[in-house]
Amino acid sequence: MAPEAVGSNPIARPIKLGTSMSSKLKKLKDLERKLTVSIPVEDYNSKFQSKLNNIKGQAKLDGFRKGKVPNDVLEQKYGKSIHADVVNDLIQSSYPKALAENKIRPASAPTVNLESEDPSKPISYSAIFEVFPEIKPKLSRWTNYDKVTISITEDDIDLAIKDIVKRYGDWKDVKRKVKKGDQVVIDFVGKINNEDFEGNSAQDFKLVLGSNSMIPGFEDAILDKEPSMDAILDKEPSMFSIQAKFPDDYFKSDLAGVEAVFEINLKNVQELHEAEINKELFKKLDMDVKDVSSFKEEISKRMTKEVEVQEKDLTKESIYETLLKTNSFNVPNITVKEQADLMRKDALMRIGHTEDKAGDDLFPIETFMENAEKRVKLDLLFAELINHFEITADSVTLDSFIEKESKKYKDAEQFKQWIKNQPQQLEQFRMIALEQQLIENLEKALKSKDKVIKFSELANK
């Protein structure tokens, strides 16, 4: 219910002719705006009387027949609640009109303050909110973007094959000290100041030493250790303690930079036996090849296709970075915060967490703000540039895109039939088609310089 204005009497109906709704826009800090709206008395009176009439037809009060209760009696009983409803309705209906009148694109819901609700005067309220910026894209020919080419050598192909035979190899138990590259099977329990912490323990955990999948110092401390014969026979554990420090930029802020002690039970050591390059491996890789030579040729073809996609992505990334350098503008704080929230939810989902069960220290929202601001700026630029180049994604363009996508699947026709009933996926395809056209236009409008990246450098990132 709206607060009752001091000195007003919402029951007494004024007789006063009004004018049309008026509004005044004031610029505050950055993209924050204050919109003050004044609503004429006659609009208030009309709505009040309408609501009063609705109640009159249904009201049952002692001493009066249904529908025959005098207006002054109804106003005594229902006046304040009708007043609050009318004021709320007037705000709800006038706000979008005032936005349109001032040609405003709000980026956030308003904070509304009722300035005056005295029914003998125009109803007045103010709304504070952020707006989207007005952007006139600059396409500078003075700043170059990188036209990326990735070079593949024979050594790169050989390394790719070596990686494949490792990934499809088998781990075999060995009875010796642990070496780098071995896989160990361990139980561990970690403590900080003799206290447990979230995710501090695991059983039968498989860890490849040298994978750098654990915090610094953890894997190195297991090198040269050897499980006892009792541990191998599951009789007695092979226990030892190690110390390791969480990185200063660890994704859980309460653990960042903290040293922990881990009790390790080394249960087994395993050595990798690489897969043989034969028909069995070809089948696992879904390759229609017959020998080592054709296998290597197929790997080269697949790497080339992969590189073509990476070249386009890296070039696109450079174009966007160039646009951000040449187009400086503020973006709404609320929109950046919303984008950061989405990024955090995605990060949590990737590790099996949900926002409601994760504490603020797990992927703190602040760590996403910089990239979120960049994403919002690019989205706004994207929309303006689509209009600038008059780009559309009509049914012909979308059908052409779907046709290309369908060739990635064994049953192209089945994919095309399926996608027709997937509105969200179709909209995503439409946005991709728009982006592809935009990049083509930007490549022509902007100046580029060639940049060659070695495949090995890219693979090591």
Protein backbone atom coordinates (compact mmCIF):
# COMPACT_ATOMS: atom_id res chain seq x y z
CA MET A 1 0.00 0.00 0.00
CA ALA A 2 1.31 3.46 -0.87
CA PRO A 3 2.05 5.76 2.11
CA GLU A 4 -0.56 8.40 2.88
CA ALA A 5 0.69 11.89 2.16
CA VAL A 6 0.82 14.27 5.10
CA GLY A 7 -2.14 16.65 5.07
CA SER A 8 -4.02 14.77 2.35
CA ASN A 9 -7.49 13.35 2.65
CA PRO A 10 -7.90 10.47 0.18
CA ILE A 11 -11.62 10.32 0.91
CA ALA A 12 -12.53 13.88 -0.14
CA ARG A 13 -12.92 14.00 -3.94
CA PRO A 14 -11.59 17.24 -5.43
CA ILE A 15 -13.34 18.86 -8.38
CA LYS A 16 -10.53 20.00 -10.63
CA LEU A 17 -9.79 19.83 -14.31
CA GLY A 18 -6.40 18.33 -15.12
CA THR A 19 -3.95 18.48 -17.95
CA SER A 20 -2.11 15.67 -19.70
CA MET A 21 0.58 13.66 -17.95
CA SER A 22 3.95 15.43 -17.85
CA SER A 23 7.46 14.12 -17.24
CA LYS A 24 10.93 15.52 -16.68
CA LEU A 25 14.20 13.66 -17.20
CA LYS A 26 17.36 14.47 -15.24
CA LYS A 27 20.81 13.02 -15.84
CA LEU A 28 22.57 11.76 -12.74
CA LYS A 29 25.94 9.97 -12.56
CA ASP A 30 27.13 8.11 -15.69
CA LEU A 31 24.12 6.20 -17.07
CA GLU A 32 21.85 6.82 -14.10
CA ARG A 33 18.72 8.87 -14.79
CA LYS A 34 15.90 10.37 -12.71
CA LEU A 35 12.48 10.57 -14.33
CA THR A 36 9.85 12.68 -12.53
CA VAL A 37 6.27 12.10 -13.62
CA SER A 38 3.19 14.19 -12.81
CA ILE A 39 -0.31 12.74 -13.34
CA PRO A 40 -3.33 15.09 -13.57
CA VAL A 41 -6.05 15.06 -10.93
CA GLU A 42 -8.74 14.06 -13.43
CA ASP A 43 -6.91 10.79 -14.18
CA TYR A 44 -6.85 10.02 -10.47
CA ASN A 45 -10.54 10.90 -10.06
CA SER A 46 -11.59 8.76 -13.02
CA LYS A 47 -9.78 5.67 -11.73
CA PHE A 48 -10.91 6.22 -8.16
CA GLN A 49 -14.56 6.50 -9.22
CA SER A 50 -14.28 3.41 -11.42
CA LYS A 51 -12.91 1.32 -8.57
CA LEU A 52 -15.49 2.72 -6.19
CA ASN A 53 -18.29 1.76 -8.59
CA ASN A 54 -16.94 -1.77 -8.85
CA ILE A 55 -17.00 -2.10 -5.08
CA LYS A 56 -20.45 -0.52 -4.85
CA GLY A 57 -21.97 -3.23 -7.03
CA GLN A 58 -20.66 -5.97 -4.72
CA ALA A 59 -20.50 -4.37 -1.27
CA LYS A 60 -22.68 -5.72 1.54
CA LEU A 61 -22.89 -3.51 4.61
CA ASP A 62 -25.30 -3.76 7.53
CA GLY A 63 -28.32 -1.50 7.04
CA PHE A 64 -27.96 -1.25 3.26
CA ARG A 65 -29.14 -3.35 0.37
CA LYS A 66 -26.50 -4.79 -2.01
CA GLY A 67 -25.49 -2.14 -4.54
CA LYS A 68 -27.26 0.65 -2.63
CA VAL A 69 -24.51 1.71 -0.20
CA PRO A 70 -23.96 5.49 -0.48
CA ASN A 71 -20.61 6.62 -1.92
CA ASP A 72 -19.60 8.56 1.19
CA VAL A 73 -20.08 5.42 3.33
CA LEU A 74 -18.04 3.33 0.88
CA GLU A 75 -15.29 5.93 0.86
CA GLN A 76 -15.16 5.92 4.65
CA LYS A 77 -14.65 2.14 4.63
CA TYR A 78 -12.62 1.53 1.45
CA GLY A 79 -11.18 4.94 0.59
CA LYS A 80 -7.61 4.34 1.75
CA SER A 81 -7.24 0.97 0.01
CA ILE A 82 -8.80 2.34 -3.20
CA HIS A 83 -6.44 5.32 -3.02
CA ALA A 84 -3.40 3.04 -2.72
CA ASP A 85 -4.59 0.87 -5.64
CA VAL A 86 -5.24 3.92 -7.83
CA VAL A 87 -1.84 5.44 -7.15
CA ASN A 88 -0.15 2.11 -7.91
CA ASP A 89 -2.14 1.68 -11.13
CA LEU A 90 -1.32 5.22 -12.26
CA ILE A 91 2.39 4.62 -11.71
CA GLN A 92 2.27 1.27 -13.54
CA SER A 93 0.44 2.74 -16.54
CA SER A 94 2.24 6.10 -16.78
CA TYR A 95 5.83 4.86 -16.37
CA PRO A 96 6.15 3.12 -19.77
CA LYS A 97 4.43 6.11 -21.42
CA ALA A 98 6.91 8.50 -19.82
CA LEU A 99 9.81 6.30 -20.99
CA ALA A 100 8.48 6.37 -24.55
CA GLU A 101 7.86 10.12 -24.36
CA ASN A 102 11.50 10.71 -23.42
CA LYS A 103 12.81 8.01 -25.80
CA ILE A 104 14.53 6.13 -22.98
CA ARG A 105 15.85 2.55 -23.03
CA PRO A 106 16.06 1.58 -19.34
CA ALA A 107 18.59 -1.09 -18.43
CA SER A 108 17.22 -1.74 -14.97
CA ALA A 109 14.00 -1.79 -12.99
CA PRO A 110 13.35 1.62 -11.42
CA THR A 111 13.59 2.65 -7.79
CA VAL A 112 10.32 4.56 -7.36
CA ASN A 113 9.75 7.31 -4.82
CA LEU A 114 6.28 8.79 -4.37
CA GLU A 115 6.73 12.57 -4.29
CA SER A 116 3.08 13.55 -3.84
CA GLU A 117 -0.10 11.49 -3.45
CA ASP A 118 -2.43 14.27 -2.34
CA PRO A 119 -5.52 13.67 -4.53
CA SER A 120 -6.30 17.37 -4.58
CA LYS A 121 -3.07 17.89 -6.53
CA PRO A 122 -1.41 16.02 -9.41
CA ILE A 123 0.04 12.68 -8.32
CA SER A 124 3.82 12.91 -8.62
CA TYR A 125 6.56 10.30 -8.39
CA SER A 126 10.19 9.90 -9.38
CA ALA A 127 11.92 6.85 -10.82
CA ILE A 128 15.68 6.31 -10.75
CA PHE A 129 17.23 3.76 -13.11
CA GLU A 130 20.12 3.09 -15.47
CA VAL A 131 19.84 3.44 -19.24
CA PHE A 132 21.63 1.78 -22.13
CA PRO A 133 24.21 4.06 -23.76
CA GLU A 134 23.74 5.64 -27.16
CA ILE A 135 26.45 4.13 -29.33
CA LYS A 136 27.69 5.31 -32.70
CA PRO A 137 30.18 2.61 -33.73
CA LYS A 138 33.61 3.79 -34.86
CA LEU A 139 35.32 1.67 -37.50
CA SER A 140 38.87 2.97 -37.43
CA ARG A 141 41.25 2.20 -40.30
CA TRP A 142 44.16 3.26 -38.09
CA THR A 143 43.98 0.25 -35.77
CA ASN A 144 44.78 -3.17 -37.21
CA TYR A 145 43.27 -6.47 -36.22
CA ASP A 146 45.20 -9.74 -36.53
CA LYS A 147 44.38 -11.96 -39.49
CA VAL A 148 45.50 -15.23 -37.89
CA THR A 149 47.10 -18.15 -39.69
CA ILE A 150 48.18 -21.28 -37.81
CA SER A 151 51.09 -23.27 -39.21
CA ILE A 152 51.23 -27.07 -38.85
CA THR A 153 54.50 -28.99 -39.22
CA GLU A 154 55.32 -32.69 -39.45
CA ASP A 155 56.50 -32.52 -35.86
CA ASP A 156 53.05 -31.24 -34.81
CA ILE A 157 51.39 -34.20 -36.52
CA ASP A 158 53.84 -36.62 -34.87
CA LEU A 159 53.15 -35.05 -31.45
CA ALA A 160 49.39 -35.35 -32.04
CA ILE A 161 49.79 -39.04 -32.82
CA LYS A 162 51.96 -39.49 -29.74
CA ASP A 163 49.25 -37.87 -27.64
CA ILE A 164 46.62 -40.20 -29.14
CA VAL A 165 48.56 -43.39 -28.39
CA LYS A 166 49.03 -42.15 -24.83
CA ARG A 167 45.36 -41.30 -24.33
CA TYR A 168 44.28 -44.69 -25.67
CA GLY A 169 46.98 -46.59 -23.80
CA ASP A 170 46.58 -48.81 -20.71
CA TRP A 171 47.86 -48.29 -17.19
CA LYS A 172 49.72 -51.32 -15.80
CA ASP A 173 50.67 -51.90 -12.16
CA VAL A 174 54.38 -51.68 -11.33
CA LYS A 175 56.36 -52.36 -8.12
CA ARG A 176 58.84 -49.49 -7.91
CA LYS A 177 59.22 -45.89 -6.81
CA VAL A 178 56.99 -43.26 -8.37
CA LYS A 179 58.33 -41.38 -11.42
CA LYS A 180 56.99 -38.37 -13.27
CA GLY A 181 54.40 -39.55 -15.81
CA ASP A 182 53.22 -42.42 -13.61
CA GLN A 183 49.65 -42.72 -12.41
CA VAL A 184 49.20 -43.30 -8.69
CA VAL A 185 46.14 -44.54 -6.82
CA ILE A 186 45.86 -42.76 -3.46
CA ASP A 187 43.60 -41.96 -0.54
CA PHE A 188 44.15 -38.53 0.96
CA VAL A 189 42.82 -36.31 3.76
CA GLY A 190 43.79 -32.65 3.98
CA LYS A 191 43.62 -30.38 7.01
CA ILE A 192 44.25 -26.70 7.68
CA ASN A 193 45.23 -26.00 11.29
CA ASN A 194 43.97 -29.53 12.08
CA GLU A 195 40.52 -28.64 10.69
CA ASP A 196 38.73 -30.25 7.74
CA PHE A 197 37.77 -28.12 4.73
CA GLU A 198 35.44 -28.66 1.80
CA GLY A 199 36.81 -31.16 -0.75
CA ASN A 200 39.66 -32.15 1.55
CA SER A 201 39.52 -35.92 1.00
CA ALA A 202 39.17 -38.64 -1.61
CA GLN A 203 39.55 -42.41 -1.87
CA ASP A 204 41.03 -44.46 -4.72
CA PHE A 205 41.92 -41.19 -6.41
CA LYS A 206 43.85 -41.62 -9.67
CA LEU A 207 46.47 -38.95 -10.29
CA VAL A 208 48.97 -38.65 -13.14
CA LEU A 209 52.14 -37.03 -11.79
CA GLY A 210 53.10 -34.13 -14.03
CA SER A 211 49.52 -33.36 -15.05
CA ASN A 212 49.48 -30.32 -12.70
CA SER A 213 45.89 -31.10 -11.83
CA MET A 214 46.49 -30.63 -8.10
CA ILE A 215 47.70 -27.59 -6.16
CA PRO A 216 51.44 -26.76 -6.43
CA GLY A 217 53.67 -29.08 -4.44
CA PHE A 218 51.13 -31.89 -4.08
CA GLU A 219 52.30 -34.00 -7.02
CA ASP A 220 56.02 -33.33 -6.48
CA ALA A 221 55.77 -34.57 -2.89
CA ILE A 222 54.65 -38.01 -4.10
CA LEU A 223 57.63 -38.50 -6.46
CA ASP A 224 60.13 -41.20 -5.38
CA LYS A 225 57.63 -42.64 -2.90
CA GLU A 226 56.92 -46.38 -3.04
CA PRO A 227 53.89 -48.29 -1.69
CA SER A 228 54.76 -50.98 0.85
CA MET A 229 54.08 -54.61 0.00
CA ASP A 230 51.38 -54.60 2.67
CA ALA A 231 49.71 -51.66 0.93
CA ILE A 232 49.80 -53.51 -2.39
CA LEU A 233 48.23 -56.52 -0.69
CA ASP A 234 45.66 -54.25 1.04
CA LYS A 235 46.97 -55.28 4.46
CA GLU A 236 48.53 -52.11 5.82
CA PRO A 237 48.38 -48.57 4.40
CA SER A 238 51.51 -46.90 3.05
CA MET A 239 51.09 -43.55 4.79
CA PHE A 240 53.06 -40.31 4.67
CA SER A 241 52.34 -36.59 5.12
CA ILE A 242 52.95 -33.73 2.69
CA GLN A 243 52.53 -29.96 2.81
CA ALA A 244 51.14 -27.95 -0.09
CA LYS A 245 49.98 -24.35 -0.46
CA PHE A 246 46.87 -23.23 -2.31
CA PRO A 247 47.62 -20.63 -5.02
CA ASP A 248 46.94 -16.99 -4.18
CA ASP A 249 44.40 -16.86 -7.04
CA TYR A 250 42.62 -20.09 -6.03
CA PHE A 251 38.94 -20.07 -7.02
CA LYS A 252 37.85 -20.50 -3.38
CA SER A 253 38.87 -17.27 -1.67
CA ASP A 254 38.91 -18.78 1.85
CA LEU A 255 41.63 -21.25 0.75
CA ALA A 256 43.69 -18.86 -1.41
CA GLY A 257 47.29 -18.65 -0.20
CA VAL A 258 46.66 -21.09 2.67
CA GLU A 259 48.99 -23.99 3.47
CA ALA A 260 47.47 -27.41 4.11
CA VAL A 261 48.78 -30.74 5.41
CA PHE A 262 47.71 -33.89 3.57
CA GLU A 263 47.86 -37.45 4.88
CA ILE A 264 48.51 -39.68 1.85
CA ASN A 265 47.93 -43.41 1.53
CA LEU A 266 49.84 -44.54 -1.56
CA LYS A 267 48.02 -47.67 -2.72
CA ASN A 268 49.38 -48.34 -6.19
CA VAL A 269 51.78 -47.15 -8.89
CA GLN A 270 50.89 -47.58 -12.56
CA GLU A 271 52.95 -47.17 -15.72
CA LEU A 272 51.48 -46.19 -19.08
CA HIS A 273 51.69 -48.65 -21.96
CA GLU A 274 50.96 -46.76 -25.12
CA ALA A 275 48.35 -48.06 -27.57
CA GLU A 276 49.56 -49.73 -30.71
CA ILE A 277 48.72 -48.12 -34.04
CA ASN A 278 46.52 -50.85 -35.47
CA LYS A 279 42.97 -51.64 -36.58
CA GLU A 280 41.74 -51.69 -32.99
CA LEU A 281 42.89 -48.10 -32.46
CA PHE A 282 41.44 -47.01 -35.83
CA LYS A 283 38.07 -48.43 -34.75
CA LYS A 284 38.17 -46.58 -31.41
CA LEU A 285 38.89 -43.36 -33.29
CA ASP A 286 36.13 -44.05 -35.84
CA MET A 287 38.65 -43.81 -38.68
CA ASP A 288 38.26 -45.53 -42.01
CA VAL A 289 42.00 -46.15 -42.53
CA LYS A 290 44.08 -49.27 -43.13
CA ASP A 291 47.68 -48.55 -42.16
CA VAL A 292 50.03 -46.14 -40.39
CA SER A 293 50.50 -43.97 -43.48
CA SER A 294 46.77 -43.41 -44.07
CA PHE A 295 46.29 -42.95 -40.31
CA LYS A 296 48.82 -40.13 -40.28
CA GLU A 297 47.19 -38.58 -43.34
CA GLU A 298 43.78 -38.65 -41.63
CA ILE A 299 45.22 -37.05 -38.49
CA SER A 300 46.69 -34.29 -40.67
CA LYS A 301 43.28 -33.67 -42.29
CA ARG A 302 41.54 -33.49 -38.91
CA MET A 303 44.15 -31.10 -37.55
CA THR A 304 43.77 -28.90 -40.62
CA LYS A 305 39.98 -28.70 -40.10
CA GLU A 306 40.48 -27.93 -36.43
CA VAL A 307 43.00 -25.22 -37.28
CA GLU A 308 40.63 -23.57 -39.77
CA VAL A 309 38.07 -23.13 -37.00
CA GLN A 310 40.71 -21.81 -34.59
CA GLU A 311 41.99 -19.34 -37.18
CA LYS A 312 38.50 -17.89 -37.60
CA ASP A 313 37.92 -17.75 -33.84
CA LEU A 314 41.24 -16.03 -33.13
CA THR A 315 40.70 -13.55 -35.97
CA LYS A 316 37.20 -12.81 -34.68
CA GLU A 317 38.57 -12.35 -31.17
CA SER A 318 41.12 -9.85 -32.48
CA ILE A 319 38.42 -7.94 -34.39
CA TYR A 320 36.35 -7.65 -31.23
CA GLU A 321 39.36 -6.49 -29.20
CA THR A 322 40.03 -3.86 -31.87
CA LEU A 323 36.42 -2.66 -31.68
CA LEU A 324 36.65 -2.34 -27.89
CA LYS A 325 39.83 -0.25 -28.22
CA THR A 326 38.29 2.17 -30.71
CA ASN A 327 34.84 2.38 -29.09
CA SER A 328 34.88 3.71 -25.54
CA PHE A 329 31.58 3.98 -23.67
CA ASN A 330 30.03 3.24 -20.29
CA VAL A 331 27.70 0.30 -19.75
CA PRO A 332 24.97 -0.13 -17.11
CA ASN A 333 26.30 -1.50 -13.83
CA ILE A 334 23.18 -3.63 -13.37
CA THR A 335 23.66 -5.29 -16.77
CA VAL A 336 27.30 -6.07 -16.00
CA LYS A 337 26.29 -7.54 -12.64
CA GLU A 338 23.64 -9.72 -14.32
CA GLN A 339 26.18 -10.97 -16.87
CA ALA A 340 28.72 -11.70 -14.11
CA ASP A 341 26.03 -13.69 -12.26
CA LEU A 342 25.41 -15.77 -15.40
CA MET A 343 29.15 -16.41 -15.78
CA ARG A 344 29.44 -17.49 -12.15
CA LYS A 345 26.44 -19.83 -12.45
CA ASP A 346 28.06 -21.41 -15.51
CA ALA A 347 31.38 -21.85 -13.68
CA LEU A 348 29.62 -23.43 -10.70
CA MET A 349 27.64 -25.75 -12.96
CA ARG A 350 30.86 -26.99 -14.56
CA ILE A 351 32.08 -28.30 -11.19
CA GLY A 352 28.69 -29.71 -10.19
CA HIS A 353 27.59 -26.88 -7.89
CA THR A 354 24.52 -24.66 -7.84
CA GLU A 355 24.36 -21.02 -6.79
CA ASP A 356 22.07 -21.67 -3.82
CA LYS A 357 24.48 -24.25 -2.34
CA ALA A 358 27.74 -22.44 -3.10
CA GLY A 359 29.15 -19.87 -0.70
CA ASP A 360 30.25 -16.43 -1.86
CA ASP A 361 33.88 -17.53 -1.54
CA LEU A 362 33.46 -20.12 -4.32
CA PHE A 363 34.15 -18.25 -7.55
CA PRO A 364 33.64 -14.74 -6.04
CA ILE A 365 31.47 -12.56 -8.29
CA GLU A 366 34.22 -9.91 -8.44
CA THR A 367 36.44 -12.24 -10.48
CA PHE A 368 33.90 -12.20 -13.33
CA MET A 369 33.20 -8.46 -13.47
CA GLU A 370 35.94 -7.49 -15.96
CA ASN A 371 34.97 -10.14 -18.52
CA ALA A 372 31.29 -9.44 -17.89
CA GLU A 373 31.78 -5.76 -18.73
CA LYS A 374 33.60 -6.71 -21.92
CA ARG A 375 30.80 -9.14 -22.87
CA VAL A 376 28.12 -6.48 -22.31
CA LYS A 377 30.05 -3.93 -24.40
CA LEU A 378 30.45 -6.42 -27.23
CA ASP A 379 26.74 -7.34 -27.11
CA LEU A 380 25.75 -3.68 -27.39
CA LEU A 381 28.25 -3.07 -30.19
CA PHE A 382 27.02 -6.20 -31.93
CA ALA A 383 23.44 -4.90 -31.97
CA GLU A 384 24.46 -1.46 -33.27
CA LEU A 385 26.73 -2.89 -35.96
CA ILE A 386 24.03 -5.27 -37.18
CA ASN A 387 21.88 -2.18 -37.80
CA HIS A 388 24.82 -0.23 -39.23
CA PHE A 389 25.49 -2.85 -41.90
CA GLU A 390 21.76 -3.62 -42.31
CA ILE A 391 22.37 -7.32 -41.70
CA THR A 392 19.48 -9.77 -41.48
CA ALA A 393 19.15 -13.52 -41.06
CA ASP A 394 16.10 -14.39 -43.14
CA SER A 395 14.75 -17.89 -43.75
CA VAL A 396 17.05 -18.41 -46.76
CA THR A 397 20.14 -17.50 -44.70
CA LEU A 398 19.03 -19.69 -41.81
CA ASP A 399 18.26 -22.65 -44.11
CA SER A 400 21.73 -22.30 -45.67
CA PHE A 401 23.32 -22.30 -42.22
CA ILE A 402 21.34 -25.39 -41.13
CA GLU A 403 22.36 -27.16 -44.35
CA LYS A 404 26.04 -26.61 -43.51
CA GLU A 405 25.54 -27.71 -39.90
CA SER A 406 23.70 -30.87 -40.98
CA LYS A 407 26.78 -32.10 -42.85
CA LYS A 408 28.51 -32.59 -39.50
CA TYR A 409 26.09 -35.43 -38.71
CA LYS A 410 25.83 -38.93 -40.14
CA ASP A 411 22.10 -38.54 -40.82
CA ALA A 412 21.87 -34.98 -42.17
CA GLU A 413 18.15 -35.22 -42.99
CA GLN A 414 17.26 -36.42 -39.52
CA PHE A 415 19.16 -33.46 -38.04
CA LYS A 416 17.34 -30.99 -40.31
CA GLN A 417 13.96 -32.41 -39.33
CA TRP A 418 14.88 -32.34 -35.64
CA ILE A 419 16.14 -28.75 -35.64
CA LYS A 420 12.88 -27.41 -37.08
CA ASN A 421 11.16 -28.21 -33.76
CA GLN A 422 13.86 -26.64 -31.58
CA PRO A 423 13.06 -22.90 -31.31
CA GLN A 424 15.88 -22.11 -28.87
CA GLN A 425 18.46 -23.84 -31.05
CA LEU A 426 17.09 -22.10 -34.15
CA GLU A 427 17.44 -18.72 -32.43
CA GLN A 428 21.02 -19.60 -31.50
CA PHE A 429 21.70 -20.53 -35.13
CA ARG A 430 20.15 -17.24 -36.24
CA MET A 431 22.51 -15.29 -33.96
CA ILE A 432 25.51 -17.26 -35.25
CA ALA A 433 24.45 -16.54 -38.83
CA LEU A 434 24.18 -12.83 -38.01
CA GLU A 435 27.61 -12.88 -36.39
CA GLN A 436 29.19 -14.58 -39.39
CA GLN A 437 27.81 -11.89 -41.69
CA LEU A 438 28.95 -9.19 -39.28
CA ILE A 439 32.51 -10.55 -39.19
CA GLU A 440 32.58 -10.63 -43.01
CA ASN A 441 31.56 -6.97 -43.11
CA LEU A 442 34.06 -5.98 -40.42
CA GLU A 443 36.90 -7.75 -42.22
CA LYS A 444 36.19 -5.50 -45.19
CA ALA A 445 35.67 -2.33 -43.16
CA LEU A 446 38.73 -2.66 -40.90
CA LYS A 447 42.42 -2.89 -41.67
CA SER A 448 44.28 -6.11 -40.86
CA LYS A 449 47.81 -7.39 -40.47
CA ASP A 450 48.88 -11.00 -40.89
CA LYS A 451 49.83 -12.97 -37.79
CA VAL A 452 51.23 -16.50 -37.99
CA ILE A 453 50.99 -18.72 -34.90
CA LYS A 454 52.73 -22.07 -34.59
CA PHE A 455 50.41 -24.96 -33.79
CA SER A 456 52.77 -26.04 -31.01
CA GLU A 457 52.48 -22.61 -29.33
CA LEU A 458 48.68 -22.81 -29.48
CA ALA A 459 48.62 -26.36 -28.11
CA ASN A 460 50.75 -25.36 -25.11
CA LYS A 461 48.45 -22.51 -24.03
